[in-house]
Amino acid sequence: MEVSSNSPLIKSFAAALFLHLLFFSVMFTVFPEIKVKVIKPAHLALDFVQETIQKKIENLPPQKEVLPTKKQEAPEKKELEKKLLPIKKIPLKIKQETTQPHEQVVIPKETIWEESQPVEQKPVPEAGIKKANQQKNIDNFLTEILMRIEKSKYYPSVARKRGMTGTITCKFSIFANGSVNNISLVKSSKYKLLNKAAIDAIKKGAPYPDFPSSFKENIFTSHVDIKFYLN
């Protein structure tokens, strides 16, 4: 489709363009202060914003200087300072000690120890030695008699099986030749087997040892306890 220069559409467009140019020329002549702002491209938008902010900052009124405030002292510290009294200087009095004379220490002289002389032992009388030896011989004689009776003692098997126990006290006489006689029961048990075994032990113990030299008689009579107990 071809448009001719005489068409009404072209005529109206040319008229509108002419009116706009006329309007802007009148505006710039009447209001010379109006400036045409050119739209910046997108990549220059950031610079434009920074310039605007900088201008606003420059137009701000100057700020007043803020002086530092003094620290308020705690009320407790002030009250303590009021209560505290000034310290008085008290002169020190130093007592001079008078030196007393020291007591003289008496050092004892060395004691001289004399050599102790051996104590003279008084000789034991012969009578005492003889008596001590006699008693020793008698003790040995009695010990030998008891050992022979104990060695000769026999516990009957029947008495063991039946649980018979007891202590028998016998009286007997020993002659100078070592024989024994006059055996009797001073304290017997309730078991005849044990009483007979005690008498047999005294008989089997003979012959007994010789009498000590201190014995003047030819017969020696004594008592002995013979015990029968199960272990």
C-alpha atoms as a PDB file:
ATOM      1  CA  MET A   1       0.000   0.000   0.000  1.00  0.00           C
ATOM      2  CA  GLU A   2       1.545   3.329  -0.959  1.00  0.00           C
ATOM      3  CA  VAL A   3       0.986   6.533   1.020  1.00  0.00           C
ATOM      4  CA  SER A   4       1.008   9.775  -0.953  1.00  0.00           C
ATOM      5  CA  SER A   5       2.338  13.045   0.356  1.00  0.00           C
ATOM      6  CA  ASN A   6      -1.061  14.566   0.089  1.00  0.00           C
ATOM      7  CA  SER A   7      -2.701  11.981   2.366  1.00  0.00           C
ATOM      8  CA  PRO A   8      -4.397  13.310   5.495  1.00  0.00           C
ATOM      9  CA  LEU A   9      -2.264  11.012   7.783  1.00  0.00           C
ATOM     10  CA  ILE A  10       1.029  12.588   6.768  1.00  0.00           C
ATOM     11  CA  LYS A  11      -0.460  16.017   7.027  1.00  0.00           C
ATOM     12  CA  SER A  12      -1.652  15.393  10.585  1.00  0.00           C
ATOM     13  CA  PHE A  13       1.725  13.930  11.649  1.00  0.00           C
ATOM     14  CA  ALA A  14       3.611  16.940  10.238  1.00  0.00           C
ATOM     15  CA  ALA A  15       1.239  19.300  11.988  1.00  0.00           C
ATOM     16  CA  ALA A  16       1.727  17.531  15.328  1.00  0.00           C
ATOM     17  CA  LEU A  17       5.496  17.588  15.022  1.00  0.00           C
ATOM     18  CA  PHE A  18       5.444  21.292  14.216  1.00  0.00           C
ATOM     19  CA  LEU A  19       3.296  22.061  17.237  1.00  0.00           C
ATOM     20  CA  HIS A  20       5.668  20.147  19.564  1.00  0.00           C
ATOM     21  CA  LEU A  21       8.717  21.976  18.266  1.00  0.00           C
ATOM     22  CA  LEU A  22       6.942  25.274  18.653  1.00  0.00           C
ATOM     23  CA  PHE A  23       5.948  24.386  22.229  1.00  0.00           C
ATOM     24  CA  PHE A  24       9.471  23.504  23.309  1.00  0.00           C
ATOM     25  CA  SER A  25      10.992  26.601  21.697  1.00  0.00           C
ATOM     26  CA  VAL A  26       8.554  28.821  23.559  1.00  0.00           C
ATOM     27  CA  MET A  27       9.244  27.039  26.858  1.00  0.00           C
ATOM     28  CA  PHE A  28      13.018  27.440  26.608  1.00  0.00           C
ATOM     29  CA  THR A  29      12.749  31.111  25.730  1.00  0.00           C
ATOM     30  CA  VAL A  30      10.271  31.883  28.540  1.00  0.00           C
ATOM     31  CA  PHE A  31      11.879  29.556  31.175  1.00  0.00           C
ATOM     32  CA  PRO A  32      15.590  29.447  30.438  1.00  0.00           C
ATOM     33  CA  GLU A  33      16.259  27.707  33.800  1.00  0.00           C
ATOM     34  CA  ILE A  34      14.676  24.457  32.643  1.00  0.00           C
ATOM     35  CA  LYS A  35      17.303  21.936  31.689  1.00  0.00           C
ATOM     36  CA  VAL A  36      16.718  18.890  29.668  1.00  0.00           C
ATOM     37  CA  LYS A  37      17.689  15.770  31.526  1.00  0.00           C
ATOM     38  CA  VAL A  38      19.242  13.093  29.439  1.00  0.00           C
ATOM     39  CA  ILE A  39      18.349   9.584  30.521  1.00  0.00           C
ATOM     40  CA  LYS A  40      21.512   7.759  31.325  1.00  0.00           C
ATOM     41  CA  PRO A  41      22.065   4.183  30.336  1.00  0.00           C
ATOM     42  CA  ALA A  42      21.486   1.391  32.836  1.00  0.00           C
ATOM     43  CA  HIS A  43      25.194   0.885  33.612  1.00  0.00           C
ATOM     44  CA  LEU A  44      25.534   4.549  34.720  1.00  0.00           C
ATOM     45  CA  ALA A  45      22.572   4.417  37.184  1.00  0.00           C
ATOM     46  CA  LEU A  46      24.854   3.609  40.149  1.00  0.00           C
ATOM     47  CA  ASP A  47      27.031   6.700  39.590  1.00  0.00           C
ATOM     48  CA  PHE A  48      23.929   8.835  39.464  1.00  0.00           C
ATOM     49  CA  VAL A  49      22.676   7.489  42.802  1.00  0.00           C
ATOM     50  CA  GLN A  50      26.078   8.097  44.455  1.00  0.00           C
ATOM     51  CA  GLU A  51      26.162  11.699  43.230  1.00  0.00           C
ATOM     52  CA  THR A  52      22.663  12.314  44.588  1.00  0.00           C
ATOM     53  CA  ILE A  53      23.575  10.931  48.024  1.00  0.00           C
ATOM     54  CA  GLN A  54      26.782  12.998  48.138  1.00  0.00           C
ATOM     55  CA  LYS A  55      24.823  16.206  47.369  1.00  0.00           C
ATOM     56  CA  LYS A  56      22.321  15.459  50.180  1.00  0.00           C
ATOM     57  CA  ILE A  57      25.166  14.923  52.629  1.00  0.00           C
ATOM     58  CA  GLU A  58      26.788  18.232  51.660  1.00  0.00           C
ATOM     59  CA  ASN A  59      23.487  20.078  52.196  1.00  0.00           C
ATOM     60  CA  LEU A  60      23.084  18.740  55.771  1.00  0.00           C
ATOM     61  CA  PRO A  61      23.574  21.323  58.603  1.00  0.00           C
ATOM     62  CA  PRO A  62      26.855  21.065  60.614  1.00  0.00           C
ATOM     63  CA  GLN A  63      26.595  18.919  63.764  1.00  0.00           C
ATOM     64  CA  LYS A  64      27.503  20.186  67.189  1.00  0.00           C
ATOM     65  CA  GLU A  65      30.558  18.698  68.927  1.00  0.00           C
ATOM     66  CA  VAL A  66      29.622  16.443  71.806  1.00  0.00           C
ATOM     67  CA  LEU A  67      31.870  17.007  74.787  1.00  0.00           C
ATOM     68  CA  PRO A  68      32.759  13.947  76.911  1.00  0.00           C
ATOM     69  CA  THR A  69      30.779  13.814  80.163  1.00  0.00           C
ATOM     70  CA  LYS A  70      32.545  13.426  83.451  1.00  0.00           C
ATOM     71  CA  LYS A  71      32.161  10.102  85.165  1.00  0.00           C
ATOM     72  CA  GLN A  72      29.951  10.331  88.178  1.00  0.00           C
ATOM     73  CA  GLU A  73      31.630   8.918  91.211  1.00  0.00           C
ATOM     74  CA  ALA A  74      29.756   6.242  93.052  1.00  0.00           C
ATOM     75  CA  PRO A  75      27.833   7.593  96.072  1.00  0.00           C
ATOM     76  CA  GLU A  76      29.218   4.778  98.240  1.00  0.00           C
ATOM     77  CA  LYS A  77      32.793   5.968  97.646  1.00  0.00           C
ATOM     78  CA  LYS A  78      31.898   9.554  98.638  1.00  0.00           C
ATOM     79  CA  GLU A  79      30.202   8.366 101.838  1.00  0.00           C
ATOM     80  CA  LEU A  80      33.260   6.257 102.749  1.00  0.00           C
ATOM     81  CA  GLU A  81      35.594   9.221 102.197  1.00  0.00           C
ATOM     82  CA  LYS A  82      33.430  11.318 104.536  1.00  0.00           C
ATOM     83  CA  LYS A  83      33.458   8.661 107.242  1.00  0.00           C
ATOM     84  CA  LEU A  84      37.218   8.090 107.075  1.00  0.00           C
ATOM     85  CA  LEU A  85      39.095  10.242 109.524  1.00  0.00           C
ATOM     86  CA  PRO A  86      42.589  11.499 108.897  1.00  0.00           C
ATOM     87  CA  ILE A  87      45.252   9.199 110.359  1.00  0.00           C
ATOM     88  CA  LYS A  88      47.229  10.726 113.132  1.00  0.00           C
ATOM     89  CA  LYS A  89      50.911  10.041 113.204  1.00  0.00           C
ATOM     90  CA  ILE A  90      51.786   8.570 116.590  1.00  0.00           C
ATOM     91  CA  PRO A  91      55.450   8.771 117.461  1.00  0.00           C
ATOM     92  CA  LEU A  92      56.906   5.387 118.367  1.00  0.00           C
ATOM     93  CA  LYS A  93      58.619   5.128 121.694  1.00  0.00           C
ATOM     94  CA  ILE A  94      61.419   2.621 121.683  1.00  0.00           C
ATOM     95  CA  LYS A  95      62.420   1.326 125.072  1.00  0.00           C
ATOM     96  CA  GLN A  96      66.076   0.787 125.511  1.00  0.00           C
ATOM     97  CA  GLU A  97      66.650  -2.545 127.113  1.00  0.00           C
ATOM     98  CA  THR A  98      69.284  -2.544 129.748  1.00  0.00           C
ATOM     99  CA  THR A  99      71.587  -5.443 129.335  1.00  0.00           C
ATOM    100  CA  GLN A 100      71.850  -7.420 132.523  1.00  0.00           C
ATOM    101  CA  PRO A 101      75.025  -9.243 133.306  1.00  0.00           C
ATOM    102  CA  HIS A 102      74.811 -12.890 132.336  1.00  0.00           C
ATOM    103  CA  GLU A 103      74.930 -15.447 135.050  1.00  0.00           C
ATOM    104  CA  GLN A 104      78.127 -17.298 135.162  1.00  0.00           C
ATOM    105  CA  VAL A 105      77.690 -20.865 134.128  1.00  0.00           C
ATOM    106  CA  VAL A 106      79.639 -23.158 136.313  1.00  0.00           C
ATOM    107  CA  ILE A 107      80.994 -26.037 134.321  1.00  0.00           C
ATOM    108  CA  PRO A 108      81.364 -29.054 136.537  1.00  0.00           C
ATOM    109  CA  LYS A 109      84.733 -30.592 136.630  1.00  0.00           C
ATOM    110  CA  GLU A 110      85.206 -33.890 134.988  1.00  0.00           C
ATOM    111  CA  THR A 111      84.387 -36.658 137.337  1.00  0.00           C
ATOM    112  CA  ILE A 112      87.120 -39.162 137.639  1.00  0.00           C
ATOM    113  CA  TRP A 113      85.742 -42.654 137.707  1.00  0.00           C
ATOM    114  CA  GLU A 114      87.714 -45.016 139.735  1.00  0.00           C
ATOM    115  CA  GLU A 115      87.989 -48.553 138.574  1.00  0.00           C
ATOM    116  CA  SER A 116      85.518 -50.665 140.455  1.00  0.00           C
ATOM    117  CA  GLN A 117      87.207 -53.328 142.354  1.00  0.00           C
ATOM    118  CA  PRO A 118      85.778 -56.806 142.103  1.00  0.00           C
ATOM    119  CA  VAL A 119      83.478 -57.692 144.957  1.00  0.00           C
ATOM    120  CA  GLU A 120      84.818 -60.435 146.987  1.00  0.00           C
ATOM    121  CA  GLN A 121      82.397 -63.321 146.984  1.00  0.00           C
ATOM    122  CA  LYS A 122      81.959 -64.825 150.307  1.00  0.00           C
ATOM    123  CA  PRO A 123      82.501 -68.546 150.253  1.00  0.00           C
ATOM    124  CA  VAL A 124      79.325 -70.571 150.542  1.00  0.00           C
ATOM    125  CA  PRO A 125      79.399 -72.734 153.575  1.00  0.00           C
ATOM    126  CA  GLU A 126      79.974 -76.386 152.897  1.00  0.00           C
ATOM    127  CA  ALA A 127      76.784 -77.270 154.743  1.00  0.00           C
ATOM    128  CA  GLY A 128      74.685 -75.305 152.203  1.00  0.00           C
ATOM    129  CA  ILE A 129      76.352 -76.975 149.238  1.00  0.00           C
ATOM    130  CA  LYS A 130      75.830 -80.366 150.762  1.00  0.00           C
ATOM    131  CA  LYS A 131      72.149 -79.662 151.436  1.00  0.00           C
ATOM    132  CA  ALA A 132      71.569 -78.410 147.882  1.00  0.00           C
ATOM    133  CA  ASN A 133      73.162 -81.512 146.449  1.00  0.00           C
ATOM    134  CA  GLN A 134      71.051 -83.736 148.677  1.00  0.00           C
ATOM    135  CA  GLN A 135      67.818 -82.030 147.510  1.00  0.00           C
ATOM    136  CA  LYS A 136      68.875 -82.383 143.902  1.00  0.00           C
ATOM    137  CA  ASN A 137      69.485 -86.113 144.374  1.00  0.00           C
ATOM    138  CA  ILE A 138      66.056 -86.553 146.010  1.00  0.00           C
ATOM    139  CA  ASP A 139      64.304 -84.718 143.116  1.00  0.00           C
ATOM    140  CA  ASN A 140      66.070 -86.914 140.588  1.00  0.00           C
ATOM    141  CA  PHE A 141      65.061 -90.032 142.555  1.00  0.00           C
ATOM    142  CA  LEU A 142      61.348 -89.072 142.617  1.00  0.00           C
ATOM    143  CA  THR A 143      61.353 -88.130 138.908  1.00  0.00           C
ATOM    144  CA  GLU A 144      62.845 -91.502 138.029  1.00  0.00           C
ATOM    145  CA  ILE A 145      60.097 -93.341 139.999  1.00  0.00           C
ATOM    146  CA  LEU A 146      57.294 -91.454 138.170  1.00  0.00           C
ATOM    147  CA  MET A 147      58.895 -92.090 134.782  1.00  0.00           C
ATOM    148  CA  ARG A 148      59.107 -95.868 135.420  1.00  0.00           C
ATOM    149  CA  ILE A 149      55.471 -96.086 136.554  1.00  0.00           C
ATOM    150  CA  GLU A 150      54.265 -94.090 133.518  1.00  0.00           C
ATOM    151  CA  LYS A 151      56.316 -96.276 131.213  1.00  0.00           C
ATOM    152  CA  SER A 152      54.844 -99.459 132.743  1.00  0.00           C
ATOM    153  CA  LYS A 153      51.207 -98.208 132.618  1.00  0.00           C
ATOM    154  CA  TYR A 154      48.885-100.123 130.304  1.00  0.00           C
ATOM    155  CA  TYR A 155      45.386 -98.999 129.257  1.00  0.00           C
ATOM    156  CA  PRO A 156      43.188-102.127 129.012  1.00  0.00           C
ATOM    157  CA  SER A 157      41.636-102.533 125.558  1.00  0.00           C
ATOM    158  CA  VAL A 158      38.225-103.374 127.004  1.00  0.00           C
ATOM    159  CA  ALA A 159      38.296-100.163 129.068  1.00  0.00           C
ATOM    160  CA  ARG A 160      39.176 -98.182 125.937  1.00  0.00           C
ATOM    161  CA  LYS A 161      36.338 -99.690 123.914  1.00  0.00           C
ATOM    162  CA  ARG A 162      33.818 -98.984 126.678  1.00  0.00           C
ATOM    163  CA  GLY A 163      35.151 -95.435 127.258  1.00  0.00           C
ATOM    164  CA  MET A 164      36.268 -96.017 130.843  1.00  0.00           C
ATOM    165  CA  THR A 165      38.310 -93.132 132.279  1.00  0.00           C
ATOM    166  CA  GLY A 166      39.481 -92.007 135.707  1.00  0.00           C
ATOM    167  CA  THR A 167      42.318 -91.058 138.078  1.00  0.00           C
ATOM    168  CA  ILE A 168      43.552 -93.514 140.735  1.00  0.00           C
ATOM    169  CA  THR A 169      45.687 -92.484 143.708  1.00  0.00           C
ATOM    170  CA  CYS A 170      47.935 -95.244 145.054  1.00  0.00           C
ATOM    171  CA  LYS A 171      50.184 -95.587 148.095  1.00  0.00           C
ATOM    172  CA  PHE A 172      53.268 -97.765 147.912  1.00  0.00           C
ATOM    173  CA  SER A 173      56.599 -98.461 149.614  1.00  0.00           C
ATOM    174  CA  ILE A 174      60.013 -98.911 147.982  1.00  0.00           C
ATOM    175  CA  PHE A 175      62.860-100.730 149.673  1.00  0.00           C
ATOM    176  CA  ALA A 176      66.577-100.067 149.450  1.00  0.00           C
ATOM    177  CA  ASN A 177      67.106-103.000 147.103  1.00  0.00           C
ATOM    178  CA  GLY A 178      64.625-101.426 144.606  1.00  0.00           C
ATOM    179  CA  SER A 179      61.683-103.728 145.267  1.00  0.00           C
ATOM    180  CA  VAL A 180      58.132-102.429 145.912  1.00  0.00           C
ATOM    181  CA  ASN A 181      55.464-103.590 148.336  1.00  0.00           C
ATOM    182  CA  ASN A 182      52.453-102.449 150.402  1.00  0.00           C
ATOM    183  CA  ILE A 183      50.540-101.100 147.386  1.00  0.00           C
ATOM    184  CA  SER A 184      47.061 -99.805 148.280  1.00  0.00           C
ATOM    185  CA  LEU A 185      44.333 -97.621 146.745  1.00  0.00           C
ATOM    186  CA  VAL A 186      43.907 -94.248 148.447  1.00  0.00           C
ATOM    187  CA  LYS A 187      41.396 -93.052 145.836  1.00  0.00           C
ATOM    188  CA  SER A 188      39.948 -95.598 143.470  1.00  0.00           C
ATOM    189  CA  SER A 189      37.745 -95.294 140.382  1.00  0.00           C
ATOM    190  CA  LYS A 190      34.402 -96.973 139.776  1.00  0.00           C
ATOM    191  CA  TYR A 191      36.025 -99.265 137.227  1.00  0.00           C
ATOM    192  CA  LYS A 192      37.861-102.316 138.602  1.00  0.00           C
ATOM    193  CA  LEU A 193      39.813-102.707 135.384  1.00  0.00           C
ATOM    194  CA  LEU A 194      41.403 -99.271 135.857  1.00  0.00           C
ATOM    195  CA  ASN A 195      42.142 -99.878 139.561  1.00  0.00           C
ATOM    196  CA  LYS A 196      43.911-103.168 138.754  1.00  0.00           C
ATOM    197  CA  ALA A 197      45.845-101.505 135.855  1.00  0.00           C
ATOM    198  CA  ALA A 198      47.153 -98.808 138.236  1.00  0.00           C
ATOM    199  CA  ILE A 199      48.456-101.363 140.756  1.00  0.00           C
ATOM    200  CA  ASP A 200      50.050-103.409 137.962  1.00  0.00           C
ATOM    201  CA  ALA A 201      51.861-100.280 136.663  1.00  0.00           C
ATOM    202  CA  ILE A 202      53.521 -99.744 140.076  1.00  0.00           C
ATOM    203  CA  LYS A 203      54.542-103.403 140.311  1.00  0.00           C
ATOM    204  CA  LYS A 204      55.980-103.509 136.778  1.00  0.00           C
ATOM    205  CA  GLY A 205      58.008-100.341 137.421  1.00  0.00           C
ATOM    206  CA  ALA A 206      60.352-102.215 139.810  1.00  0.00           C
ATOM    207  CA  PRO A 207      63.227-102.431 140.382  1.00  0.00           C
ATOM    208  CA  TYR A 208      63.410 -98.753 141.259  1.00  0.00           C
ATOM    209  CA  PRO A 209      66.624 -96.706 141.503  1.00  0.00           C
ATOM    210  CA  ASP A 210      68.907 -96.748 144.510  1.00  0.00           C
ATOM    211  CA  PHE A 211      68.133 -94.494 147.405  1.00  0.00           C
ATOM    212  CA  PRO A 212      69.988 -91.205 147.711  1.00  0.00           C
ATOM    213  CA  SER A 213      72.845 -91.161 150.203  1.00  0.00           C
ATOM    214  CA  SER A 214      70.838 -88.811 152.447  1.00  0.00           C
ATOM    215  CA  PHE A 215      68.228 -91.521 153.121  1.00  0.00           C
ATOM    216  CA  LYS A 216      68.954 -93.140 156.462  1.00  0.00           C
ATOM    217  CA  GLU A 217      66.073 -95.612 156.414  1.00  0.00           C
ATOM    218  CA  ASN A 218      65.766 -98.674 154.214  1.00  0.00           C
ATOM    219  CA  ILE A 219      62.185 -97.962 153.119  1.00  0.00           C
ATOM    220  CA  PHE A 220      60.598 -95.056 151.233  1.00  0.00           C
ATOM    221  CA  THR A 221      56.803 -94.538 151.169  1.00  0.00           C
ATOM    222  CA  SER A 222      55.028 -92.204 148.721  1.00  0.00           C
ATOM    223  CA  HIS A 223      51.775 -91.488 146.844  1.00  0.00           C
ATOM    224  CA  VAL A 224      51.210 -91.268 143.069  1.00  0.00           C
ATOM    225  CA  ASP A 225      48.270 -90.319 140.818  1.00  0.00           C
ATOM    226  CA  ILE A 226      47.795 -92.578 137.785  1.00  0.00           C
ATOM    227  CA  LYS A 227      45.482 -91.186 135.076  1.00  0.00           C
ATOM    228  CA  PHE A 228      43.577 -93.072 132.377  1.00  0.00           C
ATOM    229  CA  TYR A 229      42.024 -90.800 129.741  1.00  0.00           C
ATOM    230  CA  LEU A 230      41.254 -91.261 126.074  1.00  0.00           C
ATOM    231  CA  ASN A 231      43.020 -88.918 123.670  1.00  0.00           C
END
